[in-house]
Amino acid sequence: MSLARKTGAYSGYNEYKANEISTVSQVKLIVMLFDGAIRFLGIANENMNPRKYDVVNNNIIKAQDIITELLLSLNMEEGKEVANNLLSLYIYLKKRLLEANMKKDKKIVDECVKILTELKASWEELEKKDGTSSSQSSLPRPTGISITG
């Protein structure tokens, strides 16, 4: 297969993902970020036993990057107490993931996955209550979150 074909297919996929991301609600986007962080930590955990520490490291860092994006997307002025609580949780998760990465500790990763799963479930519940979905208005919305590479 030629390089042009590979690049074209990859470019098409990137356009599809960019379109998908730009048309979902803010709440759905946050749920997608939690999904990604949980998935990356799962990959990290799976690779601790065969001791593929480069894979573990890369995936924990990806999860940390997602948590950083979630942290940066907080609106502290409007969110008040909820935003402050989320800020504390995100900082705690980043600290624990740093520790998990240094020690290659599966228990710490599991703890973080549990917290992220609970947060994700809360956001999914909010999405259901608000009636938000990917079929929401296609008007551009400022999100404060960027998940493009």
N, C-alpha and C. Protein backbone atom coordinates (compact mmCIF):
# COMPACT_ATOMS: atom_id res chain seq x y z
N MET A 1 0.85 -1.18 0.00
CA MET A 1 0.00 0.00 0.00
C MET A 1 0.89 1.23 0.00
N SER A 2 0.50 2.21 -0.79
CA SER A 2 1.32 3.42 -0.89
C SER A 2 1.15 4.30 0.34
N LEU A 3 2.14 5.14 0.53
CA LEU A 3 2.10 6.07 1.65
C LEU A 3 0.93 7.03 1.51
N ALA A 4 0.60 7.42 0.29
CA ALA A 4 -0.51 8.34 0.07
C ALA A 4 -1.83 7.72 0.53
N ARG A 5 -2.00 6.43 0.25
CA ARG A 5 -3.22 5.76 0.68
C ARG A 5 -3.31 5.69 2.20
N LYS A 6 -2.18 5.33 2.82
CA LYS A 6 -2.16 5.24 4.28
C LYS A 6 -2.47 6.59 4.90
N THR A 7 -1.85 7.62 4.38
CA THR A 7 -2.06 8.95 4.91
C THR A 7 -3.50 9.39 4.69
N GLY A 8 -4.06 9.09 3.54
CA GLY A 8 -5.45 9.45 3.25
C GLY A 8 -6.42 8.78 4.20
N ALA A 9 -6.22 7.50 4.47
CA ALA A 9 -7.11 6.79 5.39
C ALA A 9 -6.97 7.35 6.79
N TYR A 10 -5.75 7.60 7.20
CA TYR A 10 -5.51 8.14 8.54
C TYR A 10 -6.12 9.53 8.65
N SER A 11 -5.96 10.33 7.59
CA SER A 11 -6.52 11.67 7.58
C SER A 11 -8.04 11.62 7.66
N GLY A 12 -8.65 10.69 6.94
CA GLY A 12 -10.10 10.53 6.99
C GLY A 12 -10.58 10.15 8.38
N TYR A 13 -9.84 9.28 9.04
CA TYR A 13 -10.18 8.88 10.40
C TYR A 13 -10.07 10.07 11.35
N ASN A 14 -9.01 10.86 11.19
CA ASN A 14 -8.84 12.04 12.04
C ASN A 14 -9.98 13.03 11.83
N GLU A 15 -10.41 13.21 10.58
CA GLU A 15 -11.52 14.12 10.30
C GLU A 15 -12.80 13.59 10.94
N TYR A 16 -13.02 12.28 10.86
CA TYR A 16 -14.20 11.66 11.46
C TYR A 16 -14.21 11.89 12.97
N LYS A 17 -13.07 11.62 13.63
CA LYS A 17 -12.99 11.79 15.08
C LYS A 17 -13.15 13.27 15.46
N ALA A 18 -12.54 14.17 14.70
CA ALA A 18 -12.67 15.59 14.99
C ALA A 18 -14.13 16.02 14.87
N ASN A 19 -14.84 15.52 13.86
CA ASN A 19 -16.25 15.84 13.69
C ASN A 19 -17.08 15.27 14.84
N GLU A 20 -16.77 14.03 15.23
CA GLU A 20 -17.49 13.41 16.34
C GLU A 20 -17.31 14.23 17.62
N ILE A 21 -16.09 14.65 17.88
CA ILE A 21 -15.78 15.40 19.09
C ILE A 21 -16.44 16.78 19.06
N SER A 22 -16.46 17.42 17.91
CA SER A 22 -16.99 18.78 17.84
C SER A 22 -18.51 18.82 17.88
N THR A 23 -19.19 17.67 17.71
CA THR A 23 -20.64 17.68 17.69
C THR A 23 -21.28 17.09 18.95
N VAL A 24 -20.50 16.65 19.90
CA VAL A 24 -21.08 16.10 21.13
C VAL A 24 -21.22 17.18 22.19
N SER A 25 -22.08 16.92 23.15
CA SER A 25 -22.27 17.88 24.24
C SER A 25 -21.04 17.90 25.13
N GLN A 26 -20.93 18.93 25.94
CA GLN A 26 -19.81 19.04 26.87
C GLN A 26 -19.79 17.89 27.85
N VAL A 27 -20.97 17.51 28.32
CA VAL A 27 -21.05 16.41 29.29
C VAL A 27 -20.59 15.11 28.65
N LYS A 28 -21.03 14.86 27.43
CA LYS A 28 -20.63 13.64 26.72
C LYS A 28 -19.12 13.64 26.47
N LEU A 29 -18.57 14.79 26.17
CA LEU A 29 -17.13 14.91 25.96
C LEU A 29 -16.36 14.55 27.23
N ILE A 30 -16.87 14.99 28.37
CA ILE A 30 -16.23 14.67 29.64
C ILE A 30 -16.31 13.17 29.90
N VAL A 31 -17.46 12.56 29.59
CA VAL A 31 -17.61 11.10 29.75
C VAL A 31 -16.61 10.38 28.86
N MET A 32 -16.42 10.89 27.64
CA MET A 32 -15.45 10.28 26.71
C MET A 32 -14.03 10.38 27.28
N LEU A 33 -13.71 11.49 27.91
CA LEU A 33 -12.39 11.64 28.52
C LEU A 33 -12.19 10.64 29.65
N PHE A 34 -13.21 10.47 30.49
CA PHE A 34 -13.12 9.46 31.55
C PHE A 34 -12.94 8.07 30.96
N ASP A 35 -13.69 7.77 29.90
CA ASP A 35 -13.54 6.47 29.22
C ASP A 35 -12.09 6.25 28.78
N GLY A 36 -11.51 7.28 28.19
CA GLY A 36 -10.13 7.17 27.72
C GLY A 36 -9.15 6.94 28.86
N ALA A 37 -9.30 7.69 29.93
CA ALA A 37 -8.39 7.54 31.08
C ALA A 37 -8.51 6.14 31.67
N ILE A 38 -9.74 5.65 31.82
CA ILE A 38 -9.96 4.31 32.37
C ILE A 38 -9.36 3.25 31.44
N ARG A 39 -9.54 3.45 30.14
CA ARG A 39 -8.99 2.49 29.16
C ARG A 39 -7.46 2.48 29.23
N PHE A 40 -6.83 3.64 29.28
CA PHE A 40 -5.37 3.70 29.34
C PHE A 40 -4.83 3.06 30.62
N LEU A 41 -5.52 3.27 31.73
CA LEU A 41 -5.07 2.66 32.99
C LEU A 41 -5.27 1.15 32.95
N GLY A 42 -6.30 0.69 32.27
CA GLY A 42 -6.48 -0.75 32.08
C GLY A 42 -5.33 -1.36 31.30
N ILE A 43 -4.90 -0.68 30.26
CA ILE A 43 -3.75 -1.14 29.46
C ILE A 43 -2.49 -1.16 30.33
N ALA A 44 -2.33 -0.12 31.14
CA ALA A 44 -1.16 -0.06 32.04
C ALA A 44 -1.18 -1.25 32.99
N ASN A 45 -2.32 -1.53 33.60
CA ASN A 45 -2.42 -2.66 34.52
C ASN A 45 -2.13 -3.99 33.85
N GLU A 46 -2.64 -4.17 32.65
CA GLU A 46 -2.43 -5.42 31.92
C GLU A 46 -0.95 -5.67 31.62
N ASN A 47 -0.19 -4.62 31.52
CA ASN A 47 1.22 -4.75 31.14
C ASN A 47 2.19 -4.71 32.31
N MET A 48 1.66 -4.71 33.53
CA MET A 48 2.56 -4.73 34.70
C MET A 48 3.11 -6.13 34.97
N ASN A 49 2.31 -7.15 34.76
CA ASN A 49 2.78 -8.52 35.02
C ASN A 49 3.84 -8.99 34.04
N PRO A 50 3.65 -8.80 32.74
CA PRO A 50 4.77 -9.18 31.88
C PRO A 50 5.93 -8.19 31.93
N ARG A 51 5.78 -7.17 32.80
CA ARG A 51 6.82 -6.15 33.01
C ARG A 51 7.18 -5.37 31.74
N LYS A 52 6.17 -4.94 31.05
CA LYS A 52 6.38 -4.06 29.90
C LYS A 52 6.24 -2.63 30.40
N TYR A 53 7.24 -2.21 31.15
CA TYR A 53 7.15 -0.95 31.86
C TYR A 53 7.09 0.27 30.95
N ASP A 54 7.60 0.17 29.72
CA ASP A 54 7.47 1.29 28.80
C ASP A 54 6.00 1.50 28.43
N VAL A 55 5.27 0.41 28.24
CA VAL A 55 3.84 0.49 27.93
C VAL A 55 3.07 1.02 29.14
N VAL A 56 3.42 0.53 30.32
CA VAL A 56 2.80 1.00 31.56
C VAL A 56 3.00 2.51 31.69
N ASN A 57 4.24 2.95 31.57
CA ASN A 57 4.59 4.36 31.69
C ASN A 57 3.80 5.21 30.70
N ASN A 58 3.80 4.83 29.43
CA ASN A 58 3.13 5.63 28.40
C ASN A 58 1.63 5.75 28.66
N ASN A 59 1.01 4.67 29.11
CA ASN A 59 -0.44 4.70 29.32
C ASN A 59 -0.82 5.45 30.60
N ILE A 60 -0.01 5.35 31.62
CA ILE A 60 -0.28 6.16 32.82
C ILE A 60 -0.13 7.64 32.49
N ILE A 61 0.85 7.98 31.70
CA ILE A 61 1.05 9.38 31.30
C ILE A 61 -0.15 9.86 30.48
N LYS A 62 -0.67 9.02 29.59
CA LYS A 62 -1.86 9.40 28.81
C LYS A 62 -3.05 9.68 29.73
N ALA A 63 -3.23 8.83 30.74
CA ALA A 63 -4.31 9.04 31.71
C ALA A 63 -4.08 10.35 32.49
N GLN A 64 -2.84 10.61 32.87
CA GLN A 64 -2.52 11.86 33.58
C GLN A 64 -2.82 13.07 32.69
N ASP A 65 -2.52 12.96 31.41
CA ASP A 65 -2.80 14.06 30.48
C ASP A 65 -4.30 14.33 30.39
N ILE A 66 -5.10 13.27 30.37
CA ILE A 66 -6.55 13.44 30.33
C ILE A 66 -7.04 14.12 31.61
N ILE A 67 -6.50 13.69 32.74
CA ILE A 67 -6.90 14.31 34.01
C ILE A 67 -6.49 15.78 34.04
N THR A 68 -5.34 16.09 33.46
CA THR A 68 -4.93 17.49 33.35
C THR A 68 -5.93 18.29 32.53
N GLU A 69 -6.39 17.74 31.42
CA GLU A 69 -7.39 18.42 30.60
C GLU A 69 -8.69 18.63 31.38
N LEU A 70 -9.10 17.61 32.14
CA LEU A 70 -10.30 17.76 32.96
C LEU A 70 -10.10 18.86 34.00
N LEU A 71 -8.94 18.89 34.59
CA LEU A 71 -8.60 19.90 35.60
C LEU A 71 -8.64 21.30 34.99
N LEU A 72 -8.06 21.44 33.81
CA LEU A 72 -8.00 22.75 33.16
C LEU A 72 -9.36 23.22 32.67
N SER A 73 -10.28 22.27 32.47
CA SER A 73 -11.60 22.64 31.96
C SER A 73 -12.56 23.10 33.06
N LEU A 74 -12.15 23.01 34.31
CA LEU A 74 -13.02 23.42 35.41
C LEU A 74 -13.26 24.92 35.38
N ASN A 75 -14.51 25.30 35.57
CA ASN A 75 -14.87 26.71 35.69
C ASN A 75 -15.05 26.99 37.17
N MET A 76 -14.01 27.49 37.79
CA MET A 76 -13.99 27.68 39.24
C MET A 76 -14.99 28.75 39.69
N GLU A 77 -15.25 29.74 38.84
CA GLU A 77 -16.16 30.82 39.23
C GLU A 77 -17.61 30.35 39.26
N GLU A 78 -18.03 29.61 38.24
CA GLU A 78 -19.41 29.15 38.18
C GLU A 78 -19.62 27.85 38.96
N GLY A 79 -18.59 27.02 39.01
CA GLY A 79 -18.72 25.72 39.64
C GLY A 79 -18.66 25.73 41.15
N LYS A 80 -18.07 26.76 41.70
CA LYS A 80 -17.94 26.95 43.15
C LYS A 80 -17.52 25.68 43.88
N GLU A 81 -18.34 25.19 44.81
CA GLU A 81 -17.96 24.06 45.65
C GLU A 81 -17.72 22.78 44.85
N VAL A 82 -18.57 22.53 43.85
CA VAL A 82 -18.41 21.33 43.03
C VAL A 82 -17.08 21.38 42.29
N ALA A 83 -16.77 22.52 41.70
CA ALA A 83 -15.50 22.68 40.98
C ALA A 83 -14.32 22.50 41.92
N ASN A 84 -14.41 23.04 43.12
CA ASN A 84 -13.33 22.89 44.10
C ASN A 84 -13.14 21.43 44.50
N ASN A 85 -14.24 20.71 44.67
CA ASN A 85 -14.16 19.29 45.01
C ASN A 85 -13.54 18.49 43.86
N LEU A 86 -13.96 18.79 42.63
CA LEU A 86 -13.38 18.11 41.47
C LEU A 86 -11.90 18.43 41.34
N LEU A 87 -11.54 19.68 41.57
CA LEU A 87 -10.14 20.09 41.53
C LEU A 87 -9.32 19.25 42.51
N SER A 88 -9.82 19.11 43.73
CA SER A 88 -9.12 18.31 44.73
C SER A 88 -8.98 16.85 44.30
N LEU A 89 -10.04 16.30 43.74
CA LEU A 89 -9.99 14.91 43.26
C LEU A 89 -8.99 14.75 42.11
N TYR A 90 -9.01 15.67 41.16
CA TYR A 90 -8.10 15.58 40.02
C TYR A 90 -6.64 15.70 40.47
N ILE A 91 -6.37 16.59 41.40
CA ILE A 91 -5.01 16.73 41.92
C ILE A 91 -4.60 15.46 42.64
N TYR A 92 -5.50 14.90 43.43
CA TYR A 92 -5.22 13.65 44.13
C TYR A 92 -4.92 12.53 43.12
N LEU A 93 -5.74 12.43 42.07
CA LEU A 93 -5.53 11.39 41.06
C LEU A 93 -4.17 11.56 40.37
N LYS A 94 -3.83 12.79 40.02
CA LYS A 94 -2.52 13.02 39.38
C LYS A 94 -1.38 12.61 40.30
N LYS A 95 -1.50 12.95 41.58
CA LYS A 95 -0.46 12.58 42.55
C LYS A 95 -0.35 11.06 42.68
N ARG A 96 -1.49 10.39 42.79
CA ARG A 96 -1.49 8.93 42.94
C ARG A 96 -0.97 8.24 41.67
N LEU A 97 -1.31 8.77 40.51
CA LEU A 97 -0.82 8.16 39.27
C LEU A 97 0.69 8.36 39.11
N LEU A 98 1.19 9.49 39.57
CA LEU A 98 2.63 9.70 39.55
C LEU A 98 3.30 8.65 40.44
N GLU A 99 2.73 8.45 41.62
CA GLU A 99 3.26 7.45 42.54
C GLU A 99 3.15 6.03 41.94
N ALA A 100 2.01 5.73 41.33
CA ALA A 100 1.82 4.42 40.71
C ALA A 100 2.84 4.19 39.60
N ASN A 101 3.13 5.22 38.85
CA ASN A 101 4.08 5.09 37.75
C ASN A 101 5.50 4.89 38.27
N MET A 102 5.84 5.59 39.32
CA MET A 102 7.19 5.44 39.89
C MET A 102 7.38 4.06 40.50
N LYS A 103 6.36 3.58 41.22
CA LYS A 103 6.46 2.30 41.92
C LYS A 103 5.98 1.12 41.07
N LYS A 104 5.34 1.42 39.95
CA LYS A 104 4.69 0.40 39.11
C LYS A 104 3.76 -0.44 39.98
N ASP A 105 2.88 0.27 40.70
CA ASP A 105 1.99 -0.33 41.69
C ASP A 105 0.58 -0.48 41.13
N LYS A 106 0.18 -1.72 40.92
CA LYS A 106 -1.13 -2.03 40.35
C LYS A 106 -2.27 -1.63 41.28
N LYS A 107 -2.06 -1.71 42.59
CA LYS A 107 -3.12 -1.36 43.55
C LYS A 107 -3.47 0.13 43.46
N ILE A 108 -2.47 0.95 43.27
CA ILE A 108 -2.73 2.39 43.15
C ILE A 108 -3.49 2.68 41.86
N VAL A 109 -3.09 2.01 40.80
CA VAL A 109 -3.80 2.19 39.53
C VAL A 109 -5.26 1.76 39.68
N ASP A 110 -5.49 0.63 40.36
CA ASP A 110 -6.85 0.16 40.60
C ASP A 110 -7.67 1.18 41.40
N GLU A 111 -7.03 1.79 42.39
CA GLU A 111 -7.70 2.82 43.19
C GLU A 111 -8.14 3.98 42.30
N CYS A 112 -7.24 4.41 41.41
CA CYS A 112 -7.55 5.52 40.51
C CYS A 112 -8.66 5.14 39.53
N VAL A 113 -8.63 3.92 39.02
CA VAL A 113 -9.67 3.46 38.11
C VAL A 113 -11.02 3.48 38.81
N LYS A 114 -11.04 3.07 40.07
CA LYS A 114 -12.30 3.06 40.84
C LYS A 114 -12.86 4.48 40.96
N ILE A 115 -12.01 5.44 41.30
CA ILE A 115 -12.44 6.83 41.44
C ILE A 115 -12.93 7.37 40.09
N LEU A 116 -12.17 7.10 39.03
CA LEU A 116 -12.55 7.58 37.70
C LEU A 116 -13.87 6.96 37.24
N THR A 117 -14.08 5.70 37.56
CA THR A 117 -15.32 5.02 37.18
C THR A 117 -16.51 5.64 37.89
N GLU A 118 -16.34 5.96 39.17
CA GLU A 118 -17.41 6.61 39.94
C GLU A 118 -17.71 8.01 39.39
N LEU A 119 -16.67 8.75 39.06
CA LEU A 119 -16.86 10.08 38.48
C LEU A 119 -17.56 9.99 37.13
N LYS A 120 -17.14 9.03 36.33
CA LYS A 120 -17.76 8.83 35.02
C LYS A 120 -19.25 8.52 35.17
N ALA A 121 -19.58 7.64 36.11
CA ALA A 121 -20.99 7.29 36.34
C ALA A 121 -21.80 8.52 36.74
N SER A 122 -21.21 9.40 37.54
CA SER A 122 -21.89 10.63 37.94
C SER A 122 -22.16 11.53 36.73
N TRP A 123 -21.18 11.65 35.86
CA TRP A 123 -21.36 12.47 34.66
C TRP A 123 -22.38 11.84 33.72
N GLU A 124 -22.39 10.52 33.63
CA GLU A 124 -23.39 9.85 32.79
C GLU A 124 -24.79 10.10 33.33
N GLU A 125 -24.93 10.08 34.65
CA GLU A 125 -26.22 10.36 35.28
C GLU A 125 -26.65 11.80 34.99
N LEU A 126 -25.71 12.72 35.07
CA LEU A 126 -25.99 14.12 34.75
C LEU A 126 -26.44 14.25 33.30
N GLU A 127 -25.79 13.52 32.43
CA GLU A 127 -26.14 13.56 31.01
C GLU A 127 -27.58 13.08 30.81
N LYS A 128 -27.97 12.03 31.51
CA LYS A 128 -29.34 11.52 31.40
C LYS A 128 -30.35 12.51 31.96
N LYS A 129 -30.04 13.11 33.11
CA LYS A 129 -30.96 14.05 33.75
C LYS A 129 -31.15 15.31 32.92
N ASP A 130 -30.07 15.79 32.34
CA ASP A 130 -30.15 17.02 31.55
C ASP A 130 -30.72 16.77 30.16
N GLY A 131 -30.77 15.51 29.77
CA GLY A 131 -31.26 15.19 28.44
C GLY A 131 -30.29 15.57 27.35
N THR A 132 -29.02 15.75 27.72
CA THR A 132 -28.03 16.10 26.72
C THR A 132 -27.61 14.85 25.98
N SER A 133 -27.32 15.01 24.72
CA SER A 133 -26.86 13.89 23.91
C SER A 133 -26.09 14.42 22.72
N SER A 134 -25.57 13.51 21.94
CA SER A 134 -24.79 13.93 20.77
C SER A 134 -25.68 14.55 19.70
N SER A 135 -27.01 14.44 19.83
CA SER A 135 -27.91 15.04 18.86
C SER A 135 -28.26 16.47 19.23
N GLN A 136 -27.56 17.01 20.23
CA GLN A 136 -27.79 18.38 20.67
C GLN A 136 -27.38 19.34 19.56
N SER A 137 -27.67 20.58 19.75
CA SER A 137 -27.36 21.62 18.78
C SER A 137 -25.94 21.49 18.25
N SER A 138 -25.80 21.73 16.95
CA SER A 138 -24.47 21.62 16.35
C SER A 138 -23.73 22.94 16.38
N LEU A 139 -24.25 23.92 17.12
CA LEU A 139 -23.54 25.18 17.26
C LEU A 139 -22.25 24.97 18.04
N PRO A 140 -21.17 25.61 17.64
CA PRO A 140 -19.93 25.44 18.39
C PRO A 140 -20.09 25.94 19.82
N ARG A 141 -19.54 25.18 20.74
CA ARG A 141 -19.62 25.52 22.15
C ARG A 141 -18.21 25.60 22.72
N PRO A 142 -17.92 26.64 23.48
CA PRO A 142 -16.62 26.68 24.14
C PRO A 142 -16.59 25.63 25.25
N THR A 143 -15.60 24.76 25.21
CA THR A 143 -15.56 23.69 26.21
C THR A 143 -14.41 23.83 27.17
N GLY A 144 -13.34 24.47 26.75
CA GLY A 144 -12.17 24.53 27.61
C GLY A 144 -11.42 23.21 27.62
N ILE A 145 -11.85 22.28 26.76
CA ILE A 145 -11.22 20.96 26.71
C ILE A 145 -10.75 20.72 25.28
N SER A 146 -9.53 20.32 25.14
CA SER A 146 -8.99 19.99 23.84
C SER A 146 -8.42 18.59 23.90
N ILE A 147 -8.99 17.67 23.11
CA ILE A 147 -8.47 16.32 23.12
C ILE A 147 -7.83 15.96 21.79
N THR A 148 -7.54 16.96 20.97
CA THR A 148 -6.85 16.69 19.73
C THR A 148 -5.36 16.61 19.99
N GLY A 149 -4.69 15.80 19.23
CA GLY A 149 -3.27 15.58 19.42
C GLY A 149 -2.50 16.73 19.04
